[in-house]
Amino acid sequence: MPNLSAWAAPTNAQSATSIGDLIARKPTTITIIRAGSAIASQVVRLETLSSQRAVVGEGGVTFMCDAYLLGYKNHPTVTDTSVKAGDRFRANSVDYEIVIVLPGHVDNVQAYLRVRA
């Protein structure tokens, strides 16, 4: 018989496994550069949040785009994703910088990224 309680309120491990399935549908392997040193490669999911936009600054017009990182946390078989604000990495010939890691998630790592030109 189906267990509605288990479906409605999954455990952290069940939720982390579901997040892992989501990452596995569109995985990207990244190597973080932190304080000038590379740390071990990690598998994450990257998504673009918006189309390019023009930003007018002192030096003229710059085009910017934001992105989002989804990583592992408390997954039963995958090491937790390790990212911090200020970390940088390159994926698919694009440079990224972590702007903020969103706190409070027990089953995944979420971070907003700046696409660096």
Protein backbone atom coordinates (compact mmCIF):
# COMPACT_ATOMS: atom_id res chain seq x y z
CA MET A 1 0.00 0.00 0.00
CA PRO A 2 1.37 3.49 -0.79
CA ASN A 3 2.75 5.44 2.14
CA LEU A 4 1.42 9.00 1.78
CA SER A 5 3.46 10.25 4.74
CA ALA A 6 6.70 9.09 3.13
CA TRP A 7 5.74 10.80 -0.11
CA ALA A 8 4.55 14.04 1.50
CA ALA A 9 7.51 14.40 3.87
CA PRO A 10 10.53 12.56 2.43
CA THR A 11 13.59 12.11 4.60
CA ASN A 12 16.69 14.16 3.87
CA ALA A 13 18.30 11.09 2.29
CA GLN A 14 15.31 10.56 -0.04
CA SER A 15 15.26 14.22 -0.97
CA ALA A 16 19.04 14.29 -1.53
CA THR A 17 18.71 11.26 -3.81
CA SER A 18 15.99 13.05 -5.82
CA ILE A 19 18.25 16.11 -6.15
CA GLY A 20 21.00 13.75 -7.31
CA ASP A 21 18.69 12.44 -10.02
CA LEU A 22 18.04 16.01 -11.16
CA ILE A 23 21.78 16.77 -11.33
CA ALA A 24 22.42 13.50 -13.21
CA ARG A 25 20.02 14.57 -16.00
CA LYS A 26 22.31 17.48 -16.95
CA PRO A 27 25.69 17.01 -15.24
CA THR A 28 28.68 19.31 -15.61
CA THR A 29 32.09 18.54 -14.13
CA ILE A 30 33.82 21.59 -12.67
CA THR A 31 37.14 22.26 -10.95
CA ILE A 32 36.91 25.10 -8.44
CA ILE A 33 39.75 27.59 -8.12
CA ARG A 34 39.84 28.80 -4.52
CA ALA A 35 42.52 31.24 -3.33
CA GLY A 36 44.56 30.46 -6.44
CA SER A 37 44.51 26.67 -5.97
CA ALA A 38 42.42 24.04 -7.71
CA ILE A 39 40.33 21.70 -5.57
CA ALA A 40 39.02 18.28 -6.61
CA SER A 41 36.63 18.07 -9.57
CA GLN A 42 32.92 17.99 -8.73
CA VAL A 43 29.76 17.19 -10.66
CA VAL A 44 27.01 19.83 -10.52
CA ARG A 45 24.12 21.10 -12.60
CA LEU A 46 24.39 24.57 -14.15
CA GLU A 47 21.47 26.60 -15.43
CA THR A 48 21.32 30.05 -16.98
CA LEU A 49 18.85 32.26 -15.13
CA SER A 50 18.26 34.95 -17.71
CA SER A 51 19.25 36.09 -21.14
CA GLN A 52 22.09 38.54 -21.62
CA ARG A 53 21.49 42.08 -20.49
CA ALA A 54 23.41 45.24 -21.15
CA VAL A 55 24.85 47.00 -18.11
CA VAL A 56 26.17 50.54 -18.53
CA GLY A 57 29.22 51.28 -16.40
CA GLU A 58 32.03 53.79 -16.24
CA GLY A 59 33.93 51.99 -18.99
CA GLY A 60 30.97 51.65 -21.34
CA VAL A 61 28.48 48.86 -21.95
CA THR A 62 29.11 45.36 -20.63
CA PHE A 63 26.92 42.34 -21.28
CA MET A 64 26.09 40.17 -18.26
CA CYS A 65 24.28 36.94 -17.60
CA ASP A 66 23.51 35.16 -14.33
CA ALA A 67 23.53 31.44 -13.69
CA TYR A 68 22.62 28.96 -10.98
CA LEU A 69 24.49 25.95 -9.57
CA LEU A 70 22.81 22.93 -8.02
CA GLY A 71 25.08 20.56 -6.11
CA TYR A 72 25.03 17.54 -3.84
CA LYS A 73 24.55 17.63 -0.07
CA ASN A 74 23.88 14.64 2.22
CA HIS A 75 23.59 12.28 -0.76
CA PRO A 76 24.10 8.64 0.27
CA THR A 77 26.82 7.91 -2.35
CA VAL A 78 28.19 11.26 -3.61
CA THR A 79 30.51 13.63 -1.75
CA ASP A 80 28.99 17.00 -0.83
CA THR A 81 29.64 19.81 -3.30
CA SER A 82 32.16 22.29 -1.89
CA VAL A 83 31.63 25.88 -3.10
CA LYS A 84 32.11 29.26 -1.43
CA ALA A 85 31.45 32.84 -2.46
CA GLY A 86 34.39 34.06 -4.55
CA ASP A 87 35.23 30.61 -5.97
CA ARG A 88 35.78 30.53 -9.73
CA PHE A 89 35.58 27.81 -12.35
CA ARG A 90 35.35 27.27 -16.09
CA ALA A 91 32.76 25.05 -17.77
CA ASN A 92 32.01 24.66 -21.47
CA SER A 93 34.42 27.53 -22.32
CA VAL A 94 32.59 29.93 -19.96
CA ASP A 95 34.08 31.44 -16.78
CA TYR A 96 31.92 31.61 -13.66
CA GLU A 97 32.26 33.16 -10.20
CA ILE A 98 30.20 32.12 -7.17
CA VAL A 99 28.34 35.19 -5.87
CA ILE A 100 26.47 33.60 -2.96
CA VAL A 101 25.78 30.13 -1.63
CA LEU A 102 22.21 29.97 -0.41
CA PRO A 103 22.04 28.87 3.23
CA GLY A 104 19.57 26.58 4.93
CA HIS A 105 19.31 23.68 2.47
CA VAL A 106 19.74 20.25 4.04
CA ASP A 107 19.53 18.16 0.87
CA ASN A 108 21.37 20.21 -1.78
CA VAL A 109 23.79 23.05 -2.43
CA GLN A 110 22.47 26.06 -4.35
CA ALA A 111 24.53 29.02 -5.49
CA TYR A 112 24.07 32.06 -7.69
CA LEU A 113 26.82 32.62 -10.23
CA ARG A 114 28.13 35.53 -12.23
CA VAL A 115 29.13 34.68 -15.77
CA ARG A 116 32.50 36.34 -16.33
CA ALA A 117 33.34 37.70 -19.76
